[in-house]
C-alpha atoms as a PDB file:
ATOM      1  CA  MET A   1     115.929  27.229 114.938  1.00  0.00           C
ATOM      2  CA  LEU A   2     114.336  27.644 118.367  1.00  0.00           C
ATOM      3  CA  LEU A   3     111.134  25.979 117.193  1.00  0.00           C
ATOM      4  CA  LEU A   4     113.058  23.028 115.717  1.00  0.00           C
ATOM      5  CA  HIS A   5     115.042  22.701 118.934  1.00  0.00           C
ATOM      6  CA  ALA A   6     111.830  22.792 120.985  1.00  0.00           C
ATOM      7  CA  LYS A   7     110.370  20.035 118.788  1.00  0.00           C
ATOM      8  CA  PHE A   8     113.543  18.005 119.295  1.00  0.00           C
ATOM      9  CA  ILE A   9     113.327  18.412 123.080  1.00  0.00           C
ATOM     10  CA  LEU A  10     109.667  17.408 123.045  1.00  0.00           C
ATOM     11  CA  THR A  11     110.534  14.349 120.945  1.00  0.00           C
ATOM     12  CA  CYS A  12     113.243  13.374 123.440  1.00  0.00           C
ATOM     13  CA  ALA A  13     110.881  13.876 126.369  1.00  0.00           C
ATOM     14  CA  ILE A  14     108.238  11.707 124.756  1.00  0.00           C
ATOM     15  CA  LEU A  15     110.697   8.999 123.792  1.00  0.00           C
ATOM     16  CA  THR A  16     112.234   8.816 127.244  1.00  0.00           C
ATOM     17  CA  SER A  17     109.208   9.299 129.451  1.00  0.00           C
ATOM     18  CA  ALA A  18     106.105   7.955 127.724  1.00  0.00           C
ATOM     19  CA  PRO A  19     106.992   4.269 128.109  1.00  0.00           C
ATOM     20  CA  VAL A  20     107.817   4.804 131.776  1.00  0.00           C
ATOM     21  CA  PHE A  21     104.487   6.524 132.493  1.00  0.00           C
ATOM     22  CA  ALA A  22     102.637   3.799 130.627  1.00  0.00           C
ATOM     23  CA  GLN A  23     104.236   1.110 132.770  1.00  0.00           C
ATOM     24  CA  SER A  24     104.477   2.697 136.198  1.00  0.00           C
ATOM     25  CA  SER A  25     103.252   5.378 138.542  1.00  0.00           C
ATOM     26  CA  VAL A  26     104.663   8.878 138.869  1.00  0.00           C
ATOM     27  CA  SER A  27     106.523   7.848 142.015  1.00  0.00           C
ATOM     28  CA  ASP A  28     108.209   5.005 140.118  1.00  0.00           C
ATOM     29  CA  TYR A  29     109.189   7.483 137.416  1.00  0.00           C
ATOM     30  CA  LEU A  30     110.575   9.822 140.064  1.00  0.00           C
ATOM     31  CA  GLN A  31     112.626   6.995 141.545  1.00  0.00           C
ATOM     32  CA  ARG A  32     114.144   6.211 138.146  1.00  0.00           C
ATOM     33  CA  ILE A  33     115.377   9.781 137.705  1.00  0.00           C
ATOM     34  CA  ASP A  34     116.158  10.540 141.367  1.00  0.00           C
ATOM     35  CA  ARG A  35     119.677   9.134 141.642  1.00  0.00           C
ATOM     36  CA  ASP A  36     120.338  10.282 145.212  1.00  0.00           C
ATOM     37  CA  GLY A  37     117.008   9.100 146.649  1.00  0.00           C
ATOM     38  CA  ASP A  38     115.859  12.421 148.101  1.00  0.00           C
ATOM     39  CA  ASN A  39     112.405  12.154 146.431  1.00  0.00           C
ATOM     40  CA  ARG A  40     113.035  15.114 144.173  1.00  0.00           C
ATOM     41  CA  VAL A  41     114.883  15.646 140.912  1.00  0.00           C
ATOM     42  CA  SER A  42     117.771  18.084 140.649  1.00  0.00           C
ATOM     43  CA  LEU A  43     118.754  19.807 137.430  1.00  0.00           C
ATOM     44  CA  ALA A  44     121.744  17.471 137.062  1.00  0.00           C
ATOM     45  CA  GLU A  45     119.555  14.370 137.500  1.00  0.00           C
ATOM     46  CA  TYR A  46     117.013  15.743 135.020  1.00  0.00           C
ATOM     47  CA  GLN A  47     119.640  16.538 132.401  1.00  0.00           C
ATOM     48  CA  GLU A  48     121.306  13.155 132.825  1.00  0.00           C
ATOM     49  CA  TRP A  49     117.988  11.364 132.291  1.00  0.00           C
ATOM     50  CA  MET A  50     116.735  13.569 129.465  1.00  0.00           C
ATOM     51  CA  ARG A  51     119.956  13.578 127.440  1.00  0.00           C
ATOM     52  CA  TYR A  52     119.338   9.917 126.605  1.00  0.00           C
ATOM     53  CA  GLY A  53     117.491  10.927 123.422  1.00  0.00           C
ATOM     54  CA  PHE A  54     120.376  13.144 122.319  1.00  0.00           C
ATOM     55  CA  ASP A  55     122.936  10.421 122.975  1.00  0.00           C
ATOM     56  CA  ALA A  56     120.836   7.830 121.122  1.00  0.00           C
ATOM     57  CA  MET A  57     120.584  10.049 118.021  1.00  0.00           C
ATOM     58  CA  ASP A  58     124.247  11.176 118.068  1.00  0.00           C
ATOM     59  CA  LYS A  59     125.392   8.236 115.973  1.00  0.00           C
ATOM     60  CA  ASN A  60     128.990   9.424 115.513  1.00  0.00           C
ATOM     61  CA  ARG A  61     129.299  10.494 119.172  1.00  0.00           C
ATOM     62  CA  ASP A  62     130.731  13.920 118.334  1.00  0.00           C
ATOM     63  CA  GLY A  63     128.445  15.877 120.671  1.00  0.00           C
ATOM     64  CA  VAL A  64     126.598  17.469 117.762  1.00  0.00           C
ATOM     65  CA  LEU A  65     123.375  16.336 116.162  1.00  0.00           C
ATOM     66  CA  GLN A  66     123.800  17.031 112.487  1.00  0.00           C
ATOM     67  CA  PRO A  67     120.706  17.442 110.292  1.00  0.00           C
ATOM     68  CA  GLY A  68     120.942  13.799 109.212  1.00  0.00           C
ATOM     69  CA  GLU A  69     120.754  12.679 112.854  1.00  0.00           C
ATOM     70  CA  LEU A  70     117.684  14.795 113.701  1.00  0.00           C
ATOM     71  CA  PRO A  71     114.079  13.612 113.507  1.00  0.00           C
ATOM     72  CA  GLY A  72     112.968  14.038 109.906  1.00  0.00           C
ATOM     73  CA  ARG A  73     116.651  14.194 108.910  1.00  0.00           C
ATOM     74  CA  ARG A  74     116.532  17.976 108.568  1.00  0.00           C
ATOM     75  CA  GLY A  75     116.994  21.148 110.583  1.00  0.00           C
ATOM     76  CA  GLN A  76     120.013  22.918 112.008  1.00  0.00           C
ATOM     77  CA  ALA A  77     122.749  21.165 113.927  1.00  0.00           C
ATOM     78  CA  ILE A  78     122.331  21.097 117.717  1.00  0.00           C
ATOM     79  CA  THR A  79     125.260  20.762 120.100  1.00  0.00           C
ATOM     80  CA  LEU A  80     125.083  18.901 123.381  1.00  0.00           C
ATOM     81  CA  THR A  81     125.714  22.226 125.150  1.00  0.00           C
ATOM     82  CA  GLU A  82     122.679  23.769 123.410  1.00  0.00           C
ATOM     83  CA  HIS A  83     120.602  20.720 124.247  1.00  0.00           C
ATOM     84  CA  LEU A  84     121.565  20.849 127.936  1.00  0.00           C
ATOM     85  CA  ALA A  85     120.775  24.588 128.040  1.00  0.00           C
ATOM     86  CA  SER A  86     117.366  23.893 126.552  1.00  0.00           C
ATOM     87  CA  LEU A  87     116.762  21.150 129.105  1.00  0.00           C
ATOM     88  CA  GLU A  88     117.723  23.584 131.866  1.00  0.00           C
ATOM     89  CA  ALA A  89     115.237  26.148 130.570  1.00  0.00           C
ATOM     90  CA  GLY A  90     112.502  23.494 130.527  1.00  0.00           C
ATOM     91  CA  PHE A  91     113.462  22.357 134.026  1.00  0.00           C
ATOM     92  CA  ARG A  92     113.220  25.937 135.313  1.00  0.00           C
ATOM     93  CA  ARG A  93     109.746  26.297 133.753  1.00  0.00           C
ATOM     94  CA  GLN A  94     108.561  23.043 135.368  1.00  0.00           C
ATOM     95  CA  ASP A  95     109.958  24.086 138.761  1.00  0.00           C
ATOM     96  CA  VAL A  96     106.781  25.952 139.687  1.00  0.00           C
ATOM     97  CA  ASN A  97     107.769  26.549 143.320  1.00  0.00           C
ATOM     98  CA  HIS A  98     111.299  27.685 142.323  1.00  0.00           C
ATOM     99  CA  ASP A  99     113.088  25.492 144.853  1.00  0.00           C
ATOM    100  CA  GLY A 100     115.607  24.179 142.303  1.00  0.00           C
ATOM    101  CA  TYR A 101     114.080  20.689 142.257  1.00  0.00           C
ATOM    102  CA  LEU A 102     111.175  18.911 140.607  1.00  0.00           C
ATOM    103  CA  ASP A 103     108.889  16.993 142.921  1.00  0.00           C
ATOM    104  CA  ALA A 104     106.535  14.277 141.682  1.00  0.00           C
ATOM    105  CA  ARG A 105     103.751  16.765 140.929  1.00  0.00           C
ATOM    106  CA  GLU A 106     106.016  19.088 138.934  1.00  0.00           C
ATOM    107  CA  LEU A 107     107.623  16.166 137.128  1.00  0.00           C
ATOM    108  CA  ALA A 108     104.277  14.696 136.087  1.00  0.00           C
ATOM    109  CA  ALA A 109     102.848  18.021 134.906  1.00  0.00           C
ATOM    110  CA  PRO A 110     102.570  18.618 131.158  1.00  0.00           C
ATOM    111  CA  PRO A 111     105.545  20.534 129.740  1.00  0.00           C
ATOM    112  CA  ARG A 112     105.117  24.259 130.266  1.00  0.00           C
ATOM    113  CA  SER A 113     105.540  26.486 127.218  1.00  0.00           C
ATOM    114  CA  PRO A 114     108.458  28.964 127.158  1.00  0.00           C
ATOM    115  CA  GLY A 115     106.141  31.901 127.857  1.00  0.00           C
ATOM    116  CA  ARG A 116     104.675  30.309 131.000  1.00  0.00           C
ATOM    117  CA  ARG A 117     106.657  30.516 134.195  1.00  0.00           C
ATOM    118  CA  SER A 118     104.799  30.877 137.478  1.00  0.00           C
ATOM    119  CA  LYS A 119     105.805  33.617 139.847  1.00  0.00           C
END
């Protein structure tokens, strides 16, 4: 289940961020996510941006991705709450300096695996 959820999160990240990186610089990407203009991304801003993939796949808008709504049309159901928790865990891993925000460098870094969190 955890592996399928991780694959789903990676799919969402790729779907939502790859086109932006292809078309613009990291600072432009930061500006798109940074709703309050403080040049850093809070957890709330990150989750709002990254939940786009979940919302796009949740065809019946019930807050649960059923197996038929998942990539490959299989796997276990994932709730929006589970998805947001997974996004938070990923955010915390990317937040290398542990300040509660992602700066441009942290945001542009490749996703860190669950076992890698800097001290």
